[in-house]
Amino acid sequence: MAKWTPRHEAPEPLEGPVVATITGGTILWFVLFLVQLPFYGWFADHGHTWWLWTCLAGAGLGCIGIWYVRRRDAAIKRDAAAKRAAAAGQ
């Protein structure tokens, strides 16, 4: 498999506004659920209620995602602060 051996190091992952992105996506899923809710009868008649429940599942999983990325962001900030404190103490 020498043919597929990478010739250079992988770049660092891009960091962006992860918390805001996940929060925005979660809000979008929940808004889509609310918009479709008045049409539940139509969805039920046509066998498309899974559209409604998919939006609700997206909002629920998004809440878990918000919790996760907020904890991750806090851990990254704590680690950076600890490294700065260690560097300042030396």
PDB file of N, CA and C in Angstrom:
ATOM      1  N   MET A   1       0.818  -1.184   0.000  1.00  0.00           N
ATOM      2  CA  MET A   1       0.000   0.000   0.000  1.00  0.00           C
ATOM      3  C   MET A   1       0.866   1.253   0.000  1.00  0.00           C
ATOM      4  N   ALA A   2       2.085   1.126  -0.395  1.00  0.00           N
ATOM      5  CA  ALA A   2       2.958   2.288  -0.425  1.00  0.00           C
ATOM      6  C   ALA A   2       2.413   3.353  -1.363  1.00  0.00           C
ATOM      7  N   LYS A   3       1.626   2.945  -2.319  1.00  0.00           N
ATOM      8  CA  LYS A   3       1.048   3.898  -3.258  1.00  0.00           C
ATOM      9  C   LYS A   3       0.153   4.913  -2.542  1.00  0.00           C
ATOM     10  N   TRP A   4      -0.508   4.481  -1.471  1.00  0.00           N
ATOM     11  CA  TRP A   4      -1.461   5.353  -0.786  1.00  0.00           C
ATOM     12  C   TRP A   4      -0.890   6.018   0.460  1.00  0.00           C
ATOM     13  N   THR A   5       0.394   5.921   0.682  1.00  0.00           N
ATOM     14  CA  THR A   5       1.011   6.554   1.836  1.00  0.00           C
ATOM     15  C   THR A   5       1.026   8.068   1.636  1.00  0.00           C
ATOM     16  N   PRO A   6       0.524   8.825   2.616  1.00  0.00           N
ATOM     17  CA  PRO A   6       0.514  10.281   2.441  1.00  0.00           C
ATOM     18  C   PRO A   6       1.936  10.838   2.402  1.00  0.00           C
ATOM     19  N   ARG A   7       2.138  11.837   1.595  1.00  0.00           N
ATOM     20  CA  ARG A   7       3.464  12.431   1.427  1.00  0.00           C
ATOM     21  C   ARG A   7       3.672  13.656   2.300  1.00  0.00           C
ATOM     22  N   HIS A   8       2.593  14.151   2.871  1.00  0.00           N
ATOM     23  CA  HIS A   8       2.711  15.319   3.745  1.00  0.00           C
ATOM     24  C   HIS A   8       1.732  15.161   4.906  1.00  0.00           C
ATOM     25  N   GLU A   9       1.922  15.967   5.918  1.00  0.00           N
ATOM     26  CA  GLU A   9       1.061  15.877   7.095  1.00  0.00           C
ATOM     27  C   GLU A   9      -0.313  16.452   6.778  1.00  0.00           C
ATOM     28  N   ALA A  10      -1.301  15.921   7.442  1.00  0.00           N
ATOM     29  CA  ALA A  10      -2.660  16.437   7.267  1.00  0.00           C
ATOM     30  C   ALA A  10      -2.753  17.828   7.879  1.00  0.00           C
ATOM     31  N   PRO A  11      -3.522  18.712   7.278  1.00  0.00           N
ATOM     32  CA  PRO A  11      -3.660  20.061   7.838  1.00  0.00           C
ATOM     33  C   PRO A  11      -4.464  20.030   9.137  1.00  0.00           C
ATOM     34  N   GLU A  12      -4.299  21.052   9.933  1.00  0.00           N
ATOM     35  CA  GLU A  12      -5.068  21.180  11.170  1.00  0.00           C
ATOM     36  C   GLU A  12      -6.552  21.348  10.821  1.00  0.00           C
ATOM     37  N   PRO A  13      -7.437  20.811  11.646  1.00  0.00           N
ATOM     38  CA  PRO A  13      -8.864  20.986  11.363  1.00  0.00           C
ATOM     39  C   PRO A  13      -9.263  22.451  11.502  1.00  0.00           C
ATOM     40  N   LEU A  14     -10.214  22.860  10.697  1.00  0.00           N
ATOM     41  CA  LEU A  14     -10.686  24.234  10.755  1.00  0.00           C
ATOM     42  C   LEU A  14     -11.601  24.410  11.960  1.00  0.00           C
ATOM     43  N   GLU A  15     -11.389  25.461  12.679  1.00  0.00           N
ATOM     44  CA  GLU A  15     -12.260  25.798  13.802  1.00  0.00           C
ATOM     45  C   GLU A  15     -13.068  27.018  13.408  1.00  0.00           C
ATOM     46  N   GLY A  16     -14.334  26.946  13.633  1.00  0.00           N
ATOM     47  CA  GLY A  16     -15.213  28.060  13.316  1.00  0.00           C
ATOM     48  C   GLY A  16     -16.198  28.257  14.445  1.00  0.00           C
ATOM     49  N   PRO A  17     -17.254  28.986  14.181  1.00  0.00           N
ATOM     50  CA  PRO A  17     -18.272  29.200  15.219  1.00  0.00           C
ATOM     51  C   PRO A  17     -19.149  27.962  15.365  1.00  0.00           C
ATOM     52  N   VAL A  18     -18.603  26.925  15.969  1.00  0.00           N
ATOM     53  CA  VAL A  18     -19.274  25.627  16.041  1.00  0.00           C
ATOM     54  C   VAL A  18     -20.549  25.709  16.872  1.00  0.00           C
ATOM     55  N   VAL A  19     -20.493  26.374  18.016  1.00  0.00           N
ATOM     56  CA  VAL A  19     -21.667  26.462  18.883  1.00  0.00           C
ATOM     57  C   VAL A  19     -22.795  27.191  18.157  1.00  0.00           C
ATOM     58  N   ALA A  20     -22.476  28.281  17.507  1.00  0.00           N
ATOM     59  CA  ALA A  20     -23.498  29.045  16.777  1.00  0.00           C
ATOM     60  C   ALA A  20     -24.072  28.238  15.614  1.00  0.00           C
ATOM     61  N   THR A  21     -23.236  27.486  14.940  1.00  0.00           N
ATOM     62  CA  THR A  21     -23.705  26.680  13.814  1.00  0.00           C
ATOM     63  C   THR A  21     -24.670  25.597  14.276  1.00  0.00           C
ATOM     64  N   ILE A  22     -24.312  24.894  15.335  1.00  0.00           N
ATOM     65  CA  ILE A  22     -25.170  23.820  15.846  1.00  0.00           C
ATOM     66  C   ILE A  22     -26.465  24.403  16.415  1.00  0.00           C
ATOM     67  N   THR A  23     -26.373  25.520  17.103  1.00  0.00           N
ATOM     68  CA  THR A  23     -27.566  26.163  17.649  1.00  0.00           C
ATOM     69  C   THR A  23     -28.501  26.614  16.531  1.00  0.00           C
ATOM     70  N   GLY A  24     -27.938  27.212  15.500  1.00  0.00           N
ATOM     71  CA  GLY A  24     -28.751  27.645  14.360  1.00  0.00           C
ATOM     72  C   GLY A  24     -29.435  26.479  13.660  1.00  0.00           C
ATOM     73  N   GLY A  25     -28.719  25.387  13.492  1.00  0.00           N
ATOM     74  CA  GLY A  25     -29.308  24.207  12.867  1.00  0.00           C
ATOM     75  C   GLY A  25     -30.416  23.604  13.707  1.00  0.00           C
ATOM     76  N   THR A  26     -30.226  23.596  15.017  1.00  0.00           N
ATOM     77  CA  THR A  26     -31.243  23.061  15.922  1.00  0.00           C
ATOM     78  C   THR A  26     -32.502  23.922  15.875  1.00  0.00           C
ATOM     79  N   ILE A  27     -32.329  25.219  15.882  1.00  0.00           N
ATOM     80  CA  ILE A  27     -33.474  26.128  15.784  1.00  0.00           C
ATOM     81  C   ILE A  27     -34.203  25.911  14.467  1.00  0.00           C
ATOM     82  N   LEU A  28     -33.453  25.736  13.398  1.00  0.00           N
ATOM     83  CA  LEU A  28     -34.061  25.507  12.086  1.00  0.00           C
ATOM     84  C   LEU A  28     -34.894  24.227  12.076  1.00  0.00           C
ATOM     85  N   TRP A  29     -34.374  23.147  12.630  1.00  0.00           N
ATOM     86  CA  TRP A  29     -35.137  21.896  12.700  1.00  0.00           C
ATOM     87  C   TRP A  29     -36.424  22.084  13.499  1.00  0.00           C
ATOM     88  N   PHE A  30     -36.330  22.803  14.632  1.00  0.00           N
ATOM     89  CA  PHE A  30     -37.511  22.993  15.467  1.00  0.00           C
ATOM     90  C   PHE A  30     -38.540  23.883  14.773  1.00  0.00           C
ATOM     91  N   VAL A  31     -38.092  24.911  14.084  1.00  0.00           N
ATOM     92  CA  VAL A  31     -39.013  25.778  13.329  1.00  0.00           C
ATOM     93  C   VAL A  31     -39.699  24.971  12.230  1.00  0.00           C
ATOM     94  N   LEU A  32     -38.951  24.119  11.534  1.00  0.00           N
ATOM     95  CA  LEU A  32     -39.566  23.265  10.508  1.00  0.00           C
ATOM     96  C   LEU A  32     -40.616  22.347  11.114  1.00  0.00           C
ATOM     97  N   PHE A  33     -40.354  21.827  12.307  1.00  0.00           N
ATOM     98  CA  PHE A  33     -41.349  21.005  12.995  1.00  0.00           C
ATOM     99  C   PHE A  33     -42.606  21.816  13.282  1.00  0.00           C
ATOM    100  N   LEU A  34     -42.445  23.024  13.820  1.00  0.00           N
ATOM    101  CA  LEU A  34     -43.595  23.860  14.160  1.00  0.00           C
ATOM    102  C   LEU A  34     -44.390  24.281  12.934  1.00  0.00           C
ATOM    103  N   VAL A  35     -43.701  24.547  11.842  1.00  0.00           N
ATOM    104  CA  VAL A  35     -44.387  24.950  10.605  1.00  0.00           C
ATOM    105  C   VAL A  35     -45.225  23.798  10.060  1.00  0.00           C
ATOM    106  N   GLN A  36     -44.761  22.580  10.182  1.00  0.00           N
ATOM    107  CA  GLN A  36     -45.470  21.422   9.647  1.00  0.00           C
ATOM    108  C   GLN A  36     -46.558  20.909  10.585  1.00  0.00           C
ATOM    109  N   LEU A  37     -46.505  21.264  11.843  1.00  0.00           N
ATOM    110  CA  LEU A  37     -47.444  20.739  12.828  1.00  0.00           C
ATOM    111  C   LEU A  37     -48.918  21.005  12.488  1.00  0.00           C
ATOM    112  N   PRO A  38     -49.297  22.184  12.008  1.00  0.00           N
ATOM    113  CA  PRO A  38     -50.706  22.398  11.663  1.00  0.00           C
ATOM    114  C   PRO A  38     -51.207  21.502  10.522  1.00  0.00           C
ATOM    115  N   PHE A  39     -50.310  20.954   9.746  1.00  0.00           N
ATOM    116  CA  PHE A  39     -50.684  20.114   8.609  1.00  0.00           C
ATOM    117  C   PHE A  39     -50.580  18.618   8.923  1.00  0.00           C
ATOM    118  N   TYR A  40     -50.619  18.292  10.220  1.00  0.00           N
ATOM    119  CA  TYR A  40     -50.465  16.897  10.623  1.00  0.00           C
ATOM    120  C   TYR A  40     -51.491  15.989   9.954  1.00  0.00           C
ATOM    121  N   GLY A  41     -52.715  16.455   9.848  1.00  0.00           N
ATOM    122  CA  GLY A  41     -53.768  15.650   9.209  1.00  0.00           C
ATOM    123  C   GLY A  41     -53.433  15.310   7.768  1.00  0.00           C
ATOM    124  N   TRP A  42     -52.933  16.271   7.035  1.00  0.00           N
ATOM    125  CA  TRP A  42     -52.569  16.025   5.646  1.00  0.00           C
ATOM    126  C   TRP A  42     -51.422  15.028   5.562  1.00  0.00           C
ATOM    127  N   PHE A  43     -50.427  15.225   6.413  1.00  0.00           N
ATOM    128  CA  PHE A  43     -49.298  14.293   6.425  1.00  0.00           C
ATOM    129  C   PHE A  43     -49.757  12.878   6.761  1.00  0.00           C
ATOM    130  N   ALA A  44     -50.667  12.765   7.743  1.00  0.00           N
ATOM    131  CA  ALA A  44     -51.171  11.442   8.140  1.00  0.00           C
ATOM    132  C   ALA A  44     -51.959  10.791   6.998  1.00  0.00           C
ATOM    133  N   ASP A  45     -52.768  11.582   6.295  1.00  0.00           N
ATOM    134  CA  ASP A  45     -53.566  11.050   5.193  1.00  0.00           C
ATOM    135  C   ASP A  45     -52.712  10.549   4.038  1.00  0.00           C
ATOM    136  N   HIS A  46     -51.571  11.177   3.831  1.00  0.00           N
ATOM    137  CA  HIS A  46     -50.705  10.826   2.697  1.00  0.00           C
ATOM    138  C   HIS A  46     -49.505   9.966   3.087  1.00  0.00           C
ATOM    139  N   GLY A  47     -49.426   9.572   4.342  1.00  0.00           N
ATOM    140  CA  GLY A  47     -48.333   8.695   4.784  1.00  0.00           C
ATOM    141  C   GLY A  47     -46.992   9.394   4.898  1.00  0.00           C
ATOM    142  N   HIS A  48     -47.033  10.693   5.197  1.00  0.00           N
ATOM    143  CA  HIS A  48     -45.788  11.460   5.294  1.00  0.00           C
ATOM    144  C   HIS A  48     -45.532  12.001   6.696  1.00  0.00           C
ATOM    145  N   THR A  49     -46.073  11.358   7.717  1.00  0.00           N
ATOM    146  CA  THR A  49     -45.840  11.867   9.078  1.00  0.00           C
ATOM    147  C   THR A  49     -44.370  11.773   9.481  1.00  0.00           C
ATOM    148  N   TRP A  50     -43.616  10.946   8.783  1.00  0.00           N
ATOM    149  CA  TRP A  50     -42.185  10.832   9.101  1.00  0.00           C
ATOM    150  C   TRP A  50     -41.469  12.152   8.862  1.00  0.00           C
ATOM    151  N   TRP A  51     -41.998  13.023   7.981  1.00  0.00           N
ATOM    152  CA  TRP A  51     -41.382  14.336   7.771  1.00  0.00           C
ATOM    153  C   TRP A  51     -41.421  15.136   9.065  1.00  0.00           C
ATOM    154  N   LEU A  52     -42.578  15.090   9.715  1.00  0.00           N
ATOM    155  CA  LEU A  52     -42.760  15.815  10.965  1.00  0.00           C
ATOM    156  C   LEU A  52     -41.823  15.280  12.048  1.00  0.00           C
ATOM    157  N   TRP A  53     -41.786  13.955  12.185  1.00  0.00           N
ATOM    158  CA  TRP A  53     -40.973  13.347  13.240  1.00  0.00           C
ATOM    159  C   TRP A  53     -39.482  13.462  12.944  1.00  0.00           C
ATOM    160  N   THR A  54     -39.123  13.551  11.675  1.00  0.00           N
ATOM    161  CA  THR A  54     -37.713  13.773  11.336  1.00  0.00           C
ATOM    162  C   THR A  54     -37.259  15.143  11.835  1.00  0.00           C
ATOM    163  N   CYS A  55     -38.108  16.158  11.649  1.00  0.00           N
ATOM    164  CA  CYS A  55     -37.769  17.493  12.131  1.00  0.00           C
ATOM    165  C   CYS A  55     -37.661  17.529  13.650  1.00  0.00           C
ATOM    166  N   LEU A  56     -38.577  16.835  14.323  1.00  0.00           N
ATOM    167  CA  LEU A  56     -38.516  16.798  15.787  1.00  0.00           C
ATOM    168  C   LEU A  56     -37.268  16.049  16.263  1.00  0.00           C
ATOM    169  N   ALA A  57     -36.924  14.974  15.587  1.00  0.00           N
ATOM    170  CA  ALA A  57     -35.701  14.235  15.938  1.00  0.00           C
ATOM    171  C   ALA A  57     -34.464  15.097  15.696  1.00  0.00           C
ATOM    172  N   GLY A  58     -34.462  15.863  14.607  1.00  0.00           N
ATOM    173  CA  GLY A  58     -33.339  16.766  14.342  1.00  0.00           C
ATOM    174  C   GLY A  58     -33.186  17.805  15.432  1.00  0.00           C
ATOM    175  N   ALA A  59     -34.325  18.330  15.922  1.00  0.00           N
ATOM    176  CA  ALA A  59     -34.269  19.310  17.008  1.00  0.00           C
ATOM    177  C   ALA A  59     -33.774  18.656  18.298  1.00  0.00           C
ATOM    178  N   GLY A  60     -34.241  17.452  18.577  1.00  0.00           N
ATOM    179  CA  GLY A  60     -33.800  16.751  19.787  1.00  0.00           C
ATOM    180  C   GLY A  60     -32.323  16.411  19.752  1.00  0.00           C
ATOM    181  N   LEU A  61     -31.875  15.888  18.628  1.00  0.00           N
ATOM    182  CA  LEU A  61     -30.448  15.569  18.505  1.00  0.00           C
ATOM    183  C   LEU A  61     -29.600  16.832  18.494  1.00  0.00           C
ATOM    184  N   GLY A  62     -30.171  17.905  17.960  1.00  0.00           N
ATOM    185  CA  GLY A  62     -29.467  19.187  17.986  1.00  0.00           C
ATOM    186  C   GLY A  62     -29.247  19.681  19.407  1.00  0.00           C
ATOM    187  N   CYS A  63     -30.220  19.429  20.294  1.00  0.00           N
ATOM    188  CA  CYS A  63     -30.049  19.817  21.708  1.00  0.00           C
ATOM    189  C   CYS A  63     -28.876  19.056  22.325  1.00  0.00           C
ATOM    190  N   ILE A  64     -28.763  17.796  21.999  1.00  0.00           N
ATOM    191  CA  ILE A  64     -27.610  17.016  22.465  1.00  0.00           C
ATOM    192  C   ILE A  64     -26.334  17.592  21.861  1.00  0.00           C
ATOM    193  N   GLY A  65     -26.392  17.968  20.593  1.00  0.00           N
ATOM    194  CA  GLY A  65     -25.233  18.560  19.929  1.00  0.00           C
ATOM    195  C   GLY A  65     -24.812  19.875  20.560  1.00  0.00           C
ATOM    196  N   ILE A  66     -25.786  20.706  20.932  1.00  0.00           N
ATOM    197  CA  ILE A  66     -25.465  21.975  21.592  1.00  0.00           C
ATOM    198  C   ILE A  66     -24.750  21.704  22.909  1.00  0.00           C
ATOM    199  N   TRP A  67     -25.273  20.771  23.681  1.00  0.00           N
ATOM    200  CA  TRP A  67     -24.640  20.413  24.948  1.00  0.00           C
ATOM    201  C   TRP A  67     -23.199  19.960  24.709  1.00  0.00           C
ATOM    202  N   TYR A  68     -23.016  19.112  23.699  1.00  0.00           N
ATOM    203  CA  TYR A  68     -21.697  18.561  23.416  1.00  0.00           C
ATOM    204  C   TYR A  68     -20.706  19.645  22.988  1.00  0.00           C
ATOM    205  N   VAL A  69     -21.088  20.490  22.029  1.00  0.00           N
ATOM    206  CA  VAL A  69     -20.125  21.471  21.517  1.00  0.00           C
ATOM    207  C   VAL A  69     -19.838  22.566  22.536  1.00  0.00           C
ATOM    208  N   ARG A  70     -20.799  22.874  23.407  1.00  0.00           N
ATOM    209  CA  ARG A  70     -20.522  23.857  24.453  1.00  0.00           C
ATOM    210  C   ARG A  70     -19.501  23.305  25.446  1.00  0.00           C
ATOM    211  N   ARG A  71     -19.655  22.034  25.815  1.00  0.00           N
ATOM    212  CA  ARG A  71     -18.671  21.413  26.726  1.00  0.00           C
ATOM    213  C   ARG A  71     -17.316  21.313  26.055  1.00  0.00           C
ATOM    214  N   ARG A  72     -17.284  20.961  24.771  1.00  0.00           N
ATOM    215  CA  ARG A  72     -16.035  20.854  24.024  1.00  0.00           C
ATOM    216  C   ARG A  72     -15.341  22.210  23.953  1.00  0.00           C
ATOM    217  N   ASP A  73     -16.104  23.257  23.649  1.00  0.00           N
ATOM    218  CA  ASP A  73     -15.545  24.600  23.558  1.00  0.00           C
ATOM    219  C   ASP A  73     -14.982  25.042  24.912  1.00  0.00           C
ATOM    220  N   ALA A  74     -15.706  24.746  25.985  1.00  0.00           N
ATOM    221  CA  ALA A  74     -15.226  25.101  27.323  1.00  0.00           C
ATOM    222  C   ALA A  74     -13.943  24.344  27.654  1.00  0.00           C
ATOM    223  N   ALA A  75     -13.858  23.064  27.278  1.00  0.00           N
ATOM    224  CA  ALA A  75     -12.656  22.274  27.540  1.00  0.00           C
ATOM    225  C   ALA A  75     -11.464  22.809  26.749  1.00  0.00           C
ATOM    226  N   ILE A  76     -11.691  23.206  25.513  1.00  0.00           N
ATOM    227  CA  ILE A  76     -10.604  23.780  24.702  1.00  0.00           C
ATOM    228  C   ILE A  76     -10.101  25.073  25.338  1.00  0.00           C
ATOM    229  N   LYS A  77     -11.029  25.911  25.811  1.00  0.00           N
ATOM    230  CA  LYS A  77     -10.632  27.174  26.446  1.00  0.00           C
ATOM    231  C   LYS A  77      -9.894  26.928  27.757  1.00  0.00           C
ATOM    232  N   ARG A  78     -10.353  25.938  28.545  1.00  0.00           N
ATOM    233  CA  ARG A  78      -9.655  25.609  29.796  1.00  0.00           C
ATOM    234  C   ARG A  78      -8.233  25.126  29.524  1.00  0.00           C
ATOM    235  N   ASP A  79      -8.086  24.298  28.500  1.00  0.00           N
ATOM    236  CA  ASP A  79      -6.758  23.783  28.161  1.00  0.00           C
ATOM    237  C   ASP A  79      -5.837  24.906  27.707  1.00  0.00           C
ATOM    238  N   ALA A  80      -6.361  25.824  26.898  1.00  0.00           N
ATOM    239  CA  ALA A  80      -5.540  26.951  26.439  1.00  0.00           C
ATOM    240  C   ALA A  80      -5.136  27.832  27.608  1.00  0.00           C
ATOM    241  N   ALA A  81      -6.061  28.061  28.551  1.00  0.00           N
ATOM    242  CA  ALA A  81      -5.738  28.883  29.725  1.00  0.00           C
ATOM    243  C   ALA A  81      -4.691  28.195  30.590  1.00  0.00           C
ATOM    244  N   ALA A  82      -4.796  26.875  30.740  1.00  0.00           N
ATOM    245  CA  ALA A  82      -3.818  26.141  31.541  1.00  0.00           C
ATOM    246  C   ALA A  82      -2.438  26.203  30.895  1.00  0.00           C
ATOM    247  N   LYS A  83      -2.402  26.101  29.578  1.00  0.00           N
ATOM    248  CA  LYS A  83      -1.117  26.182  28.878  1.00  0.00           C
ATOM    249  C   LYS A  83      -0.503  27.577  29.014  1.00  0.00           C
ATOM    250  N   ARG A  84      -1.338  28.613  28.923  1.00  0.00           N
ATOM    251  CA  ARG A  84      -0.823  29.979  29.104  1.00  0.00           C
ATOM    252  C   ARG A  84      -0.306  30.185  30.532  1.00  0.00           C
ATOM    253  N   ALA A  85      -1.029  29.659  31.507  1.00  0.00           N
ATOM    254  CA  ALA A  85      -0.607  29.791  32.903  1.00  0.00           C
ATOM    255  C   ALA A  85       0.703  29.041  33.145  1.00  0.00           C
ATOM    256  N   ALA A  86       0.844  27.859  32.542  1.00  0.00           N
ATOM    257  CA  ALA A  86       2.075  27.099  32.694  1.00  0.00           C
ATOM    258  C   ALA A  86       3.241  27.810  32.023  1.00  0.00           C
ATOM    259  N   ALA A  87       2.986  28.416  30.872  1.00  0.00           N
ATOM    260  CA  ALA A  87       4.045  29.133  30.175  1.00  0.00           C
ATOM    261  C   ALA A  87       4.452  30.389  30.933  1.00  0.00           C
ATOM    262  N   ALA A  88       3.481  31.053  31.565  1.00  0.00           N
ATOM    263  CA  ALA A  88       3.779  32.272  32.327  1.00  0.00           C
ATOM    264  C   ALA A  88       4.506  31.951  33.629  1.00  0.00           C
ATOM    265  N   GLY A  89       4.267  30.767  34.186  1.00  0.00           N
ATOM    266  CA  GLY A  89       4.899  30.362  35.441  1.00  0.00           C
ATOM    267  C   GLY A  89       6.344  29.926  35.258  1.00  0.00           C
ATOM    268  N   GLN A  90       6.763  29.640  34.063  1.00  0.00           N
ATOM    269  CA  GLN A  90       8.143  29.159  33.845  1.00  0.00           C
ATOM    270  C   GLN A  90       9.094  30.268  33.678  1.00  0.00           C
TER     271      GLN A  90
END
